[in-house]
Amino acid sequence: MTEPAELGAEQPLDRSSDAPDVVAFWEQLGLPGLFDVHVHFLPPPIQRAVWAVFDSAGPKLGREWPIRYRTAVEDRVALLRAMGVRRFSALPYAHKPGVATYLNDWAAGFADRVPESLRSATFYPEEGAATYVAGAIEAGTEVFKLHLQVGEFHLDDPLLAQVWGVLEDAGTPVVVHAGSGPVPNEYTGPESTGRVLARHPRLALVVAHMGAPEFGDFLELAETHERVCLDTTMVFTDFFPATYPGDLVPRLRDLQPKVLLGSDFPTIPYPYRHQLDGLADLDLGDDWLRDVCWHNGVRLFGAE
């Protein structure tokens, strides 16, 4: 595996040539741009640590993971703007107790500097979580992110019981990586998500990666719960290890208002346009693509 000189280091990569292909995609659909609900911006030390995990985890995943957009924060923002990604998230996620408020403070500052960014935050099963989540909502947080695989907790951890009530009442969306991909552990899968929704059926959840590889289970949760959506992050690409079952694709047409564009930018191993072509190849129609790539995000977040 070819690695950078230092694991997790930024690289001075010029990816500006990727922009025209992305712009051509959304212009052909007559859209004003793209709304990407699954973008990550993290404090630089934590971003480097995350990238170091990917740099060293390739052999464990059976493949290399060459991160395409591992540039400085300002360069990544500039590239998203050049590609016409008019709205995007930051999606910090806490991996242990005691770091959520640090991540949230950094993400709030990022949103203050970058008006296209949804004000993003995270939380973790720990004492005081309901208090700081309520404070984040009051301060204008528009989306939260949880990663069960990395954080190693169940969605219905008792320390989150009060948090879900706060979020259900507020209606603030939560992007949840709950599926077992790319590497399962005892905390992943649809079970704890189903249990939380049974208690809080009005929760606004966005299932990351369409719940891969438990696609059918998470699709059913989106079909049966008014405010559960799916994001397309990495799913319809030739890199993703879990193939979306063909018999489920027609159900995505019926779920058109609840499928959202997600990319996992910047930690993806292919040009941004590749995922868009994967969506087009589903042959669900231009109206479906317009909703997924722009209108559904606008409706969910009340943004223009």
C-alpha atoms as a PDB file:
ATOM      1  CA  MET A   1       0.000   0.000   0.000  1.00  0.00           C
ATOM      2  CA  THR A   2       1.347   3.423  -0.937  1.00  0.00           C
ATOM      3  CA  GLU A   3       1.085   5.742   2.026  1.00  0.00           C
ATOM      4  CA  PRO A   4       1.812   9.428   2.558  1.00  0.00           C
ATOM      5  CA  ALA A   5       5.032  10.228   4.374  1.00  0.00           C
ATOM      6  CA  GLU A   6       3.020  10.621   7.581  1.00  0.00           C
ATOM      7  CA  LEU A   7      -0.171   8.706   8.260  1.00  0.00           C
ATOM      8  CA  GLY A   8      -3.149  11.041   8.182  1.00  0.00           C
ATOM      9  CA  ALA A   9      -1.228  13.997   6.776  1.00  0.00           C
ATOM     10  CA  GLU A  10      -2.824  16.533   4.457  1.00  0.00           C
ATOM     11  CA  GLN A  11      -1.502  16.547   0.907  1.00  0.00           C
ATOM     12  CA  PRO A  12      -1.187  19.512  -1.508  1.00  0.00           C
ATOM     13  CA  LEU A  13      -3.470  17.976  -4.121  1.00  0.00           C
ATOM     14  CA  ASP A  14      -5.065  20.026  -6.874  1.00  0.00           C
ATOM     15  CA  ARG A  15      -8.471  18.483  -7.586  1.00  0.00           C
ATOM     16  CA  SER A  16      -9.969  21.555  -9.257  1.00  0.00           C
ATOM     17  CA  SER A  17     -10.288  19.602 -12.506  1.00  0.00           C
ATOM     18  CA  ASP A  18     -13.026  17.525 -10.829  1.00  0.00           C
ATOM     19  CA  ALA A  19     -15.340  20.523 -10.637  1.00  0.00           C
ATOM     20  CA  PRO A  20     -16.513  20.934 -14.257  1.00  0.00           C
ATOM     21  CA  ASP A  21     -17.836  17.360 -14.457  1.00  0.00           C
ATOM     22  CA  VAL A  22     -19.855  17.838 -11.262  1.00  0.00           C
ATOM     23  CA  VAL A  23     -21.252  21.178 -12.426  1.00  0.00           C
ATOM     24  CA  ALA A  24     -22.242  19.629 -15.759  1.00  0.00           C
ATOM     25  CA  PHE A  25     -24.231  16.942 -13.919  1.00  0.00           C
ATOM     26  CA  TRP A  26     -26.473  19.286 -11.938  1.00  0.00           C
ATOM     27  CA  GLU A  27     -26.752  21.865 -14.693  1.00  0.00           C
ATOM     28  CA  GLN A  28     -28.132  19.176 -17.014  1.00  0.00           C
ATOM     29  CA  LEU A  29     -30.849  18.518 -14.415  1.00  0.00           C
ATOM     30  CA  GLY A  30     -31.692  22.227 -14.205  1.00  0.00           C
ATOM     31  CA  LEU A  31     -30.715  22.441 -10.543  1.00  0.00           C
ATOM     32  CA  PRO A  32     -29.112  25.396  -8.751  1.00  0.00           C
ATOM     33  CA  GLY A  33     -26.460  23.057  -7.351  1.00  0.00           C
ATOM     34  CA  LEU A  34     -26.174  20.076  -5.002  1.00  0.00           C
ATOM     35  CA  PHE A  35     -27.249  19.559  -1.377  1.00  0.00           C
ATOM     36  CA  ASP A  36     -24.890  17.034   0.245  1.00  0.00           C
ATOM     37  CA  VAL A  37     -26.032  15.930   3.696  1.00  0.00           C
ATOM     38  CA  HIS A  38     -23.004  13.712   4.412  1.00  0.00           C
ATOM     39  CA  VAL A  39     -19.817  15.792   4.339  1.00  0.00           C
ATOM     40  CA  HIS A  40     -17.229  15.800   7.126  1.00  0.00           C
ATOM     41  CA  PHE A  41     -15.219  18.722   8.457  1.00  0.00           C
ATOM     42  CA  LEU A  42     -13.362  18.024  11.701  1.00  0.00           C
ATOM     43  CA  PRO A  43     -10.776  19.834  13.809  1.00  0.00           C
ATOM     44  CA  PRO A  44      -7.451  19.290  12.002  1.00  0.00           C
ATOM     45  CA  PRO A  45      -5.886  17.040  14.689  1.00  0.00           C
ATOM     46  CA  ILE A  46      -8.945  14.783  14.692  1.00  0.00           C
ATOM     47  CA  GLN A  47      -9.197  14.834  10.899  1.00  0.00           C
ATOM     48  CA  ARG A  48      -5.591  13.652  10.675  1.00  0.00           C
ATOM     49  CA  ALA A  49      -6.308  10.892  13.185  1.00  0.00           C
ATOM     50  CA  VAL A  50      -9.312   9.736  11.149  1.00  0.00           C
ATOM     51  CA  TRP A  51      -7.297   9.725   7.931  1.00  0.00           C
ATOM     52  CA  ALA A  52      -4.504   7.799   9.688  1.00  0.00           C
ATOM     53  CA  VAL A  53      -7.029   5.073  10.491  1.00  0.00           C
ATOM     54  CA  PHE A  54      -7.941   4.827   6.804  1.00  0.00           C
ATOM     55  CA  ASP A  55      -4.276   4.871   5.790  1.00  0.00           C
ATOM     56  CA  SER A  56      -3.533   1.904   8.039  1.00  0.00           C
ATOM     57  CA  ALA A  57      -6.846   0.031   7.701  1.00  0.00           C
ATOM     58  CA  GLY A  58      -6.715  -0.732   3.980  1.00  0.00           C
ATOM     59  CA  PRO A  59      -5.294  -4.252   4.402  1.00  0.00           C
ATOM     60  CA  LYS A  60      -7.852  -5.022   7.120  1.00  0.00           C
ATOM     61  CA  LEU A  61     -10.624  -4.062   4.713  1.00  0.00           C
ATOM     62  CA  GLY A  62      -9.119  -6.122   1.912  1.00  0.00           C
ATOM     63  CA  ARG A  63      -8.391  -3.036  -0.179  1.00  0.00           C
ATOM     64  CA  GLU A  64      -6.486   0.194  -0.217  1.00  0.00           C
ATOM     65  CA  TRP A  65      -8.414   3.380   0.532  1.00  0.00           C
ATOM     66  CA  PRO A  66      -6.647   6.243  -1.256  1.00  0.00           C
ATOM     67  CA  ILE A  67      -8.329   9.376   0.100  1.00  0.00           C
ATOM     68  CA  ARG A  68      -8.871  11.700  -2.844  1.00  0.00           C
ATOM     69  CA  TYR A  69      -9.589  15.003  -1.109  1.00  0.00           C
ATOM     70  CA  ARG A  70      -7.161  15.102   1.818  1.00  0.00           C
ATOM     71  CA  THR A  71      -6.301  18.792   1.505  1.00  0.00           C
ATOM     72  CA  ALA A  72      -6.474  21.679   3.960  1.00  0.00           C
ATOM     73  CA  VAL A  73      -9.870  22.833   5.229  1.00  0.00           C
ATOM     74  CA  GLU A  74      -9.938  25.989   3.139  1.00  0.00           C
ATOM     75  CA  ASP A  75      -9.043  24.060  -0.015  1.00  0.00           C
ATOM     76  CA  ARG A  76     -11.851  21.579   0.556  1.00  0.00           C
ATOM     77  CA  VAL A  77     -14.384  24.363   1.099  1.00  0.00           C
ATOM     78  CA  ALA A  78     -13.203  26.061  -2.090  1.00  0.00           C
ATOM     79  CA  LEU A  79     -13.554  22.822  -4.059  1.00  0.00           C
ATOM     80  CA  LEU A  80     -17.090  22.186  -2.799  1.00  0.00           C
ATOM     81  CA  ARG A  81     -18.000  25.704  -3.871  1.00  0.00           C
ATOM     82  CA  ALA A  82     -16.388  25.174  -7.284  1.00  0.00           C
ATOM     83  CA  MET A  83     -18.335  21.926  -7.738  1.00  0.00           C
ATOM     84  CA  GLY A  84     -21.573  23.719  -6.913  1.00  0.00           C
ATOM     85  CA  VAL A  85     -22.261  21.926  -3.638  1.00  0.00           C
ATOM     86  CA  ARG A  86     -24.345  24.814  -2.339  1.00  0.00           C
ATOM     87  CA  ARG A  87     -25.233  23.274   1.031  1.00  0.00           C
ATOM     88  CA  PHE A  88     -23.306  20.650   2.971  1.00  0.00           C
ATOM     89  CA  SER A  89     -22.853  19.368   6.496  1.00  0.00           C
ATOM     90  CA  ALA A  90     -19.781  19.078   8.732  1.00  0.00           C
ATOM     91  CA  LEU A  91     -20.853  16.007  10.774  1.00  0.00           C
ATOM     92  CA  PRO A  92     -18.425  15.667  13.672  1.00  0.00           C
ATOM     93  CA  TYR A  93     -18.848  12.405  15.577  1.00  0.00           C
ATOM     94  CA  ALA A  94     -17.689  11.584  19.080  1.00  0.00           C
ATOM     95  CA  HIS A  95     -15.734   8.363  19.568  1.00  0.00           C
ATOM     96  CA  LYS A  96     -15.512   8.476  23.374  1.00  0.00           C
ATOM     97  CA  PRO A  97     -16.907  10.394  26.361  1.00  0.00           C
ATOM     98  CA  GLY A  98     -15.790  13.964  26.896  1.00  0.00           C
ATOM     99  CA  VAL A  99     -15.068  15.021  23.316  1.00  0.00           C
ATOM    100  CA  ALA A 100     -18.515  15.947  21.972  1.00  0.00           C
ATOM    101  CA  THR A 101     -18.561  19.500  23.301  1.00  0.00           C
ATOM    102  CA  TYR A 102     -15.065  20.164  21.883  1.00  0.00           C
ATOM    103  CA  LEU A 103     -16.194  18.915  18.475  1.00  0.00           C
ATOM    104  CA  ASN A 104     -19.412  20.905  18.691  1.00  0.00           C
ATOM    105  CA  ASP A 105     -17.615  24.128  19.542  1.00  0.00           C
ATOM    106  CA  TRP A 106     -15.267  23.670  16.582  1.00  0.00           C
ATOM    107  CA  ALA A 107     -18.138  22.834  14.218  1.00  0.00           C
ATOM    108  CA  ALA A 108     -20.080  25.901  15.352  1.00  0.00           C
ATOM    109  CA  GLY A 109     -17.093  28.083  14.546  1.00  0.00           C
ATOM    110  CA  PHE A 110     -16.780  26.390  11.167  1.00  0.00           C
ATOM    111  CA  ALA A 111     -20.442  27.130  10.386  1.00  0.00           C
ATOM    112  CA  ASP A 112     -19.911  30.762  11.391  1.00  0.00           C
ATOM    113  CA  ARG A 113     -17.072  31.014   8.849  1.00  0.00           C
ATOM    114  CA  VAL A 114     -18.685  28.935   6.097  1.00  0.00           C
ATOM    115  CA  PRO A 115     -22.297  29.983   5.462  1.00  0.00           C
ATOM    116  CA  GLU A 116     -22.987  27.036   3.139  1.00  0.00           C
ATOM    117  CA  SER A 117     -22.437  24.595   5.994  1.00  0.00           C
ATOM    118  CA  LEU A 118     -25.288  23.207   8.038  1.00  0.00           C
ATOM    119  CA  ARG A 119     -24.580  23.880  11.699  1.00  0.00           C
ATOM    120  CA  SER A 120     -23.545  20.391  12.798  1.00  0.00           C
ATOM    121  CA  ALA A 121     -22.969  18.693  16.153  1.00  0.00           C
ATOM    122  CA  THR A 122     -22.680  15.317  17.824  1.00  0.00           C
ATOM    123  CA  PHE A 123     -23.327  13.642  21.154  1.00  0.00           C
ATOM    124  CA  TYR A 124     -22.272  10.541  23.061  1.00  0.00           C
ATOM    125  CA  PRO A 125     -23.865   8.374  25.761  1.00  0.00           C
ATOM    126  CA  GLU A 126     -22.575  10.203  28.810  1.00  0.00           C
ATOM    127  CA  GLU A 127     -23.887  12.166  31.756  1.00  0.00           C
ATOM    128  CA  GLY A 128     -25.087  15.591  30.688  1.00  0.00           C
ATOM    129  CA  ALA A 129     -25.696  14.655  27.045  1.00  0.00           C
ATOM    130  CA  ALA A 130     -29.321  15.801  27.106  1.00  0.00           C
ATOM    131  CA  THR A 131     -28.236  19.164  28.501  1.00  0.00           C
ATOM    132  CA  TYR A 132     -25.598  19.927  25.895  1.00  0.00           C
ATOM    133  CA  VAL A 133     -27.793  18.597  23.069  1.00  0.00           C
ATOM    134  CA  ALA A 134     -30.587  20.948  24.162  1.00  0.00           C
ATOM    135  CA  GLY A 135     -28.062  23.778  24.319  1.00  0.00           C
ATOM    136  CA  ALA A 136     -26.777  22.999  20.832  1.00  0.00           C
ATOM    137  CA  ILE A 137     -30.324  23.022  19.445  1.00  0.00           C
ATOM    138  CA  GLU A 138     -31.031  26.336  21.134  1.00  0.00           C
ATOM    139  CA  ALA A 139     -27.822  27.707  19.584  1.00  0.00           C
ATOM    140  CA  GLY A 140     -29.037  26.774  16.103  1.00  0.00           C
ATOM    141  CA  THR A 141     -27.684  23.288  15.415  1.00  0.00           C
ATOM    142  CA  GLU A 142     -29.348  21.933  12.268  1.00  0.00           C
ATOM    143  CA  VAL A 143     -28.043  18.352  12.193  1.00  0.00           C
ATOM    144  CA  PHE A 144     -26.348  15.868  14.529  1.00  0.00           C
ATOM    145  CA  LYS A 145     -24.145  12.897  13.634  1.00  0.00           C
ATOM    146  CA  LEU A 146     -23.678   9.559  15.409  1.00  0.00           C
ATOM    147  CA  HIS A 147     -21.393   6.681  14.404  1.00  0.00           C
ATOM    148  CA  LEU A 148     -22.267   3.491  16.282  1.00  0.00           C
ATOM    149  CA  GLN A 149     -19.405   1.495  14.804  1.00  0.00           C
ATOM    150  CA  VAL A 150     -16.733   4.008  15.823  1.00  0.00           C
ATOM    151  CA  GLY A 151     -18.331   5.106  19.092  1.00  0.00           C
ATOM    152  CA  GLU A 152     -19.172   1.519  20.131  1.00  0.00           C
ATOM    153  CA  PHE A 153     -22.592   2.096  21.644  1.00  0.00           C
ATOM    154  CA  HIS A 154     -26.172   1.135  20.917  1.00  0.00           C
ATOM    155  CA  LEU A 155     -28.602   3.802  19.832  1.00  0.00           C
ATOM    156  CA  ASP A 156     -30.820   2.982  22.823  1.00  0.00           C
ATOM    157  CA  ASP A 157     -28.048   3.248  25.398  1.00  0.00           C
ATOM    158  CA  PRO A 158     -29.757   4.295  28.658  1.00  0.00           C
ATOM    159  CA  LEU A 159     -27.585   7.402  28.838  1.00  0.00           C
ATOM    160  CA  LEU A 160     -29.292   8.613  25.651  1.00  0.00           C
ATOM    161  CA  ALA A 161     -32.863   8.087  26.831  1.00  0.00           C
ATOM    162  CA  GLN A 162     -33.483  11.773  27.584  1.00  0.00           C
ATOM    163  CA  VAL A 163     -31.632  12.899  24.459  1.00  0.00           C
ATOM    164  CA  TRP A 164     -34.114  11.189  22.145  1.00  0.00           C
ATOM    165  CA  GLY A 165     -37.019  12.961  23.758  1.00  0.00           C
ATOM    166  CA  VAL A 166     -35.305  16.311  23.285  1.00  0.00           C
ATOM    167  CA  LEU A 167     -34.573  15.557  19.634  1.00  0.00           C
ATOM    168  CA  GLU A 168     -38.038  14.209  18.895  1.00  0.00           C
ATOM    169  CA  ASP A 169     -39.626  17.363  20.270  1.00  0.00           C
ATOM    170  CA  ALA A 170     -37.180  19.636  18.409  1.00  0.00           C
ATOM    171  CA  GLY A 171     -37.395  17.726  15.099  1.00  0.00           C
ATOM    172  CA  THR A 172     -33.663  18.205  14.480  1.00  0.00           C
ATOM    173  CA  PRO A 173     -32.336  15.538  12.054  1.00  0.00           C
ATOM    174  CA  VAL A 174     -29.683  13.057  13.170  1.00  0.00           C
ATOM    175  CA  VAL A 175     -27.450  11.341  10.604  1.00  0.00           C
ATOM    176  CA  VAL A 176     -26.786   7.863  12.018  1.00  0.00           C
ATOM    177  CA  HIS A 177     -24.190   5.376  10.826  1.00  0.00           C
ATOM    178  CA  ALA A 178     -25.877   2.276  12.207  1.00  0.00           C
ATOM    179  CA  GLY A 179     -25.348  -0.272   9.441  1.00  0.00           C
ATOM    180  CA  SER A 180     -22.682  -2.941   9.813  1.00  0.00           C
ATOM    181  CA  GLY A 181     -20.514  -1.753   6.913  1.00  0.00           C
ATOM    182  CA  PRO A 182     -17.645  -1.639   6.372  1.00  0.00           C
ATOM    183  CA  VAL A 183     -16.720  -3.775   9.409  1.00  0.00           C
ATOM    184  CA  PRO A 184     -19.451  -5.001  11.786  1.00  0.00           C
ATOM    185  CA  ASN A 185     -19.242  -5.057  15.542  1.00  0.00           C
ATOM    186  CA  GLU A 186     -21.687  -5.815  18.340  1.00  0.00           C
ATOM    187  CA  TYR A 187     -23.170  -2.308  18.169  1.00  0.00           C
ATOM    188  CA  THR A 188     -24.061  -2.163  14.464  1.00  0.00           C
ATOM    189  CA  GLY A 189     -27.190  -3.295  12.662  1.00  0.00           C
ATOM    190  CA  PRO A 190     -30.805  -2.140  12.586  1.00  0.00           C
ATOM    191  CA  GLU A 191     -31.940  -3.516  15.945  1.00  0.00           C
ATOM    192  CA  SER A 192     -31.156  -0.609  18.271  1.00  0.00           C
ATOM    193  CA  THR A 193     -32.427   1.900  15.691  1.00  0.00           C
ATOM    194  CA  GLY A 194     -35.718   0.011  15.548  1.00  0.00           C
ATOM    195  CA  ARG A 195     -36.006   0.000  19.321  1.00  0.00           C
ATOM    196  CA  VAL A 196     -35.440   3.777  19.552  1.00  0.00           C
ATOM    197  CA  LEU A 197     -38.005   4.438  16.815  1.00  0.00           C
ATOM    198  CA  ALA A 198     -40.542   2.259  18.601  1.00  0.00           C
ATOM    199  CA  ARG A 199     -40.285   4.641  21.562  1.00  0.00           C
ATOM    200  CA  HIS A 200     -39.823   7.841  19.543  1.00  0.00           C
ATOM    201  CA  PRO A 201     -41.601   7.358  16.189  1.00  0.00           C
ATOM    202  CA  ARG A 202     -41.390  11.066  15.286  1.00  0.00           C
ATOM    203  CA  LEU A 203     -37.588  11.167  15.354  1.00  0.00           C
ATOM    204  CA  ALA A 204     -35.958  12.664  12.264  1.00  0.00           C
ATOM    205  CA  LEU A 205     -33.240  10.133  11.434  1.00  0.00           C
ATOM    206  CA  VAL A 206     -31.108  10.019   8.285  1.00  0.00           C
ATOM    207  CA  VAL A 207     -29.653   6.537   7.865  1.00  0.00           C
ATOM    208  CA  ALA A 208     -26.122   6.882   6.508  1.00  0.00           C
ATOM    209  CA  HIS A 209     -24.991   4.674   3.619  1.00  0.00           C
ATOM    210  CA  MET A 210     -28.628   3.552   3.277  1.00  0.00           C
ATOM    211  CA  GLY A 211     -27.913   1.220   6.200  1.00  0.00           C
ATOM    212  CA  ALA A 212     -25.370  -0.921   4.346  1.00  0.00           C
ATOM    213  CA  PRO A 213     -25.279  -3.841   4.264  1.00  0.00           C
ATOM    214  CA  GLU A 214     -28.663  -4.238   6.017  1.00  0.00           C
ATOM    215  CA  PHE A 215     -30.334  -2.341   3.183  1.00  0.00           C
ATOM    216  CA  GLY A 216     -33.739  -4.005   3.381  1.00  0.00           C
ATOM    217  CA  ASP A 217     -34.143  -3.548   7.132  1.00  0.00           C
ATOM    218  CA  PHE A 218     -33.336   0.160   7.029  1.00  0.00           C
ATOM    219  CA  LEU A 219     -35.413   0.694   3.899  1.00  0.00           C
ATOM    220  CA  GLU A 220     -38.392  -0.719   5.795  1.00  0.00           C
ATOM    221  CA  LEU A 221     -37.759   1.660   8.696  1.00  0.00           C
ATOM    222  CA  ALA A 222     -37.819   4.579   6.244  1.00  0.00           C
ATOM    223  CA  GLU A 223     -41.012   3.261   4.642  1.00  0.00           C
ATOM    224  CA  THR A 224     -42.822   2.886   7.962  1.00  0.00           C
ATOM    225  CA  HIS A 225     -41.640   5.979   9.874  1.00  0.00           C
ATOM    226  CA  GLU A 226     -42.639   9.421   8.683  1.00  0.00           C
ATOM    227  CA  ARG A 227     -39.354  11.186   9.433  1.00  0.00           C
ATOM    228  CA  VAL A 228     -36.780   8.478   8.666  1.00  0.00           C
ATOM    229  CA  CYS A 229     -34.731   9.104   5.518  1.00  0.00           C
ATOM    230  CA  LEU A 230     -31.802   7.401   3.793  1.00  0.00           C
ATOM    231  CA  ASP A 231     -28.613   8.959   2.454  1.00  0.00           C
ATOM    232  CA  THR A 232     -26.844   7.580  -0.603  1.00  0.00           C
ATOM    233  CA  THR A 233     -23.299   7.874   0.732  1.00  0.00           C
ATOM    234  CA  MET A 234     -20.916   5.667  -1.299  1.00  0.00           C
ATOM    235  CA  VAL A 235     -23.579   3.034  -1.982  1.00  0.00           C
ATOM    236  CA  PHE A 236     -23.952   3.199  -5.758  1.00  0.00           C
ATOM    237  CA  THR A 237     -20.244   3.221  -6.593  1.00  0.00           C
ATOM    238  CA  ASP A 238     -17.876   0.563  -7.850  1.00  0.00           C
ATOM    239  CA  PHE A 239     -15.805   0.881  -4.660  1.00  0.00           C
ATOM    240  CA  PHE A 240     -18.497   0.105  -2.115  1.00  0.00           C
ATOM    241  CA  PRO A 241     -18.266  -3.533  -0.937  1.00  0.00           C
ATOM    242  CA  ALA A 242     -22.011  -4.077  -0.418  1.00  0.00           C
ATOM    243  CA  THR A 243     -24.093  -4.188  -3.590  1.00  0.00           C
ATOM    244  CA  TYR A 244     -27.548  -2.677  -3.329  1.00  0.00           C
ATOM    245  CA  PRO A 245     -30.093  -5.450  -4.064  1.00  0.00           C
ATOM    246  CA  GLY A 246     -31.778  -4.950  -7.411  1.00  0.00           C
ATOM    247  CA  ASP A 247     -35.179  -5.955  -6.079  1.00  0.00           C
ATOM    248  CA  LEU A 248     -35.090  -3.019  -3.640  1.00  0.00           C
ATOM    249  CA  VAL A 249     -34.397  -0.360  -6.265  1.00  0.00           C
ATOM    250  CA  PRO A 250     -38.065   0.053  -7.364  1.00  0.00           C
ATOM    251  CA  ARG A 251     -38.962   0.789  -3.732  1.00  0.00           C
ATOM    252  CA  LEU A 252     -36.527   3.714  -3.834  1.00  0.00           C
ATOM    253  CA  ARG A 253     -38.748   5.285  -6.482  1.00  0.00           C
ATOM    254  CA  ASP A 254     -41.670   5.150  -4.063  1.00  0.00           C
ATOM    255  CA  LEU A 255     -39.395   6.592  -1.372  1.00  0.00           C
ATOM    256  CA  GLN A 256     -38.338   9.487  -3.612  1.00  0.00           C
ATOM    257  CA  PRO A 257     -38.980  12.307  -1.061  1.00  0.00           C
ATOM    258  CA  LYS A 258     -36.870  10.535   1.587  1.00  0.00           C
ATOM    259  CA  VAL A 259     -33.624   9.724  -0.239  1.00  0.00           C
ATOM    260  CA  LEU A 260     -30.865  12.303   0.226  1.00  0.00           C
ATOM    261  CA  LEU A 261     -27.556  12.836  -1.524  1.00  0.00           C
ATOM    262  CA  GLY A 262     -24.582  11.971   0.664  1.00  0.00           C
ATOM    263  CA  SER A 263     -20.940  11.642  -0.366  1.00  0.00           C
ATOM    264  CA  ASP A 264     -18.562  11.160   2.623  1.00  0.00           C
ATOM    265  CA  PHE A 265     -16.420  13.938   1.134  1.00  0.00           C
ATOM    266  CA  PRO A 266     -13.476  14.291   1.635  1.00  0.00           C
ATOM    267  CA  THR A 267     -12.659  10.698   2.632  1.00  0.00           C
ATOM    268  CA  ILE A 268     -13.630   9.039  -0.628  1.00  0.00           C
ATOM    269  CA  PRO A 269     -11.324   7.171  -3.028  1.00  0.00           C
ATOM    270  CA  TYR A 270     -12.831   8.379  -6.318  1.00  0.00           C
ATOM    271  CA  PRO A 271     -13.864  11.649  -8.007  1.00  0.00           C
ATOM    272  CA  TYR A 272     -17.017  13.253  -6.592  1.00  0.00           C
ATOM    273  CA  ARG A 273     -18.822  12.846  -9.943  1.00  0.00           C
ATOM    274  CA  HIS A 274     -18.567   9.026  -9.754  1.00  0.00           C
ATOM    275  CA  GLN A 275     -21.254   8.701  -7.079  1.00  0.00           C
ATOM    276  CA  LEU A 276     -23.581  10.956  -9.087  1.00  0.00           C
ATOM    277  CA  ASP A 277     -23.231   8.728 -12.135  1.00  0.00           C
ATOM    278  CA  GLY A 278     -24.082   5.754  -9.925  1.00  0.00           C
ATOM    279  CA  LEU A 279     -27.354   7.415  -8.961  1.00  0.00           C
ATOM    280  CA  ALA A 280     -28.160   8.211 -12.585  1.00  0.00           C
ATOM    281  CA  ASP A 281     -27.457   4.597 -13.542  1.00  0.00           C
ATOM    282  CA  LEU A 282     -30.374   3.471 -11.346  1.00  0.00           C
ATOM    283  CA  ASP A 283     -32.657   4.783 -14.119  1.00  0.00           C
ATOM    284  CA  LEU A 284     -35.212   6.162 -11.664  1.00  0.00           C
ATOM    285  CA  GLY A 285     -35.682   9.316 -13.704  1.00  0.00           C
ATOM    286  CA  ASP A 286     -34.575  12.939 -13.683  1.00  0.00           C
ATOM    287  CA  ASP A 287     -37.309  13.978 -11.246  1.00  0.00           C
ATOM    288  CA  TRP A 288     -35.996  11.412  -8.758  1.00  0.00           C
ATOM    289  CA  LEU A 289     -32.449  12.708  -9.227  1.00  0.00           C
ATOM    290  CA  ARG A 290     -33.566  16.311  -8.747  1.00  0.00           C
ATOM    291  CA  ASP A 291     -35.234  15.464  -5.464  1.00  0.00           C
ATOM    292  CA  VAL A 292     -32.301  13.371  -4.199  1.00  0.00           C
ATOM    293  CA  CYS A 293     -29.610  15.842  -5.233  1.00  0.00           C
ATOM    294  CA  TRP A 294     -31.322  19.051  -4.127  1.00  0.00           C
ATOM    295  CA  HIS A 295     -35.011  19.339  -3.236  1.00  0.00           C
ATOM    296  CA  ASN A 296     -35.153  16.727  -0.458  1.00  0.00           C
ATOM    297  CA  GLY A 297     -32.319  18.372   1.425  1.00  0.00           C
ATOM    298  CA  VAL A 298     -33.958  21.773   1.051  1.00  0.00           C
ATOM    299  CA  ARG A 299     -37.245  20.412   2.381  1.00  0.00           C
ATOM    300  CA  LEU A 300     -35.678  18.572   5.311  1.00  0.00           C
ATOM    301  CA  PHE A 301     -33.553  21.459   6.482  1.00  0.00           C
ATOM    302  CA  GLY A 302     -35.753  24.337   5.395  1.00  0.00           C
ATOM    303  CA  ALA A 303     -32.889  25.836   3.453  1.00  0.00           C
ATOM    304  CA  GLU A 304     -32.617  27.462   0.034  1.00  0.00           C
END
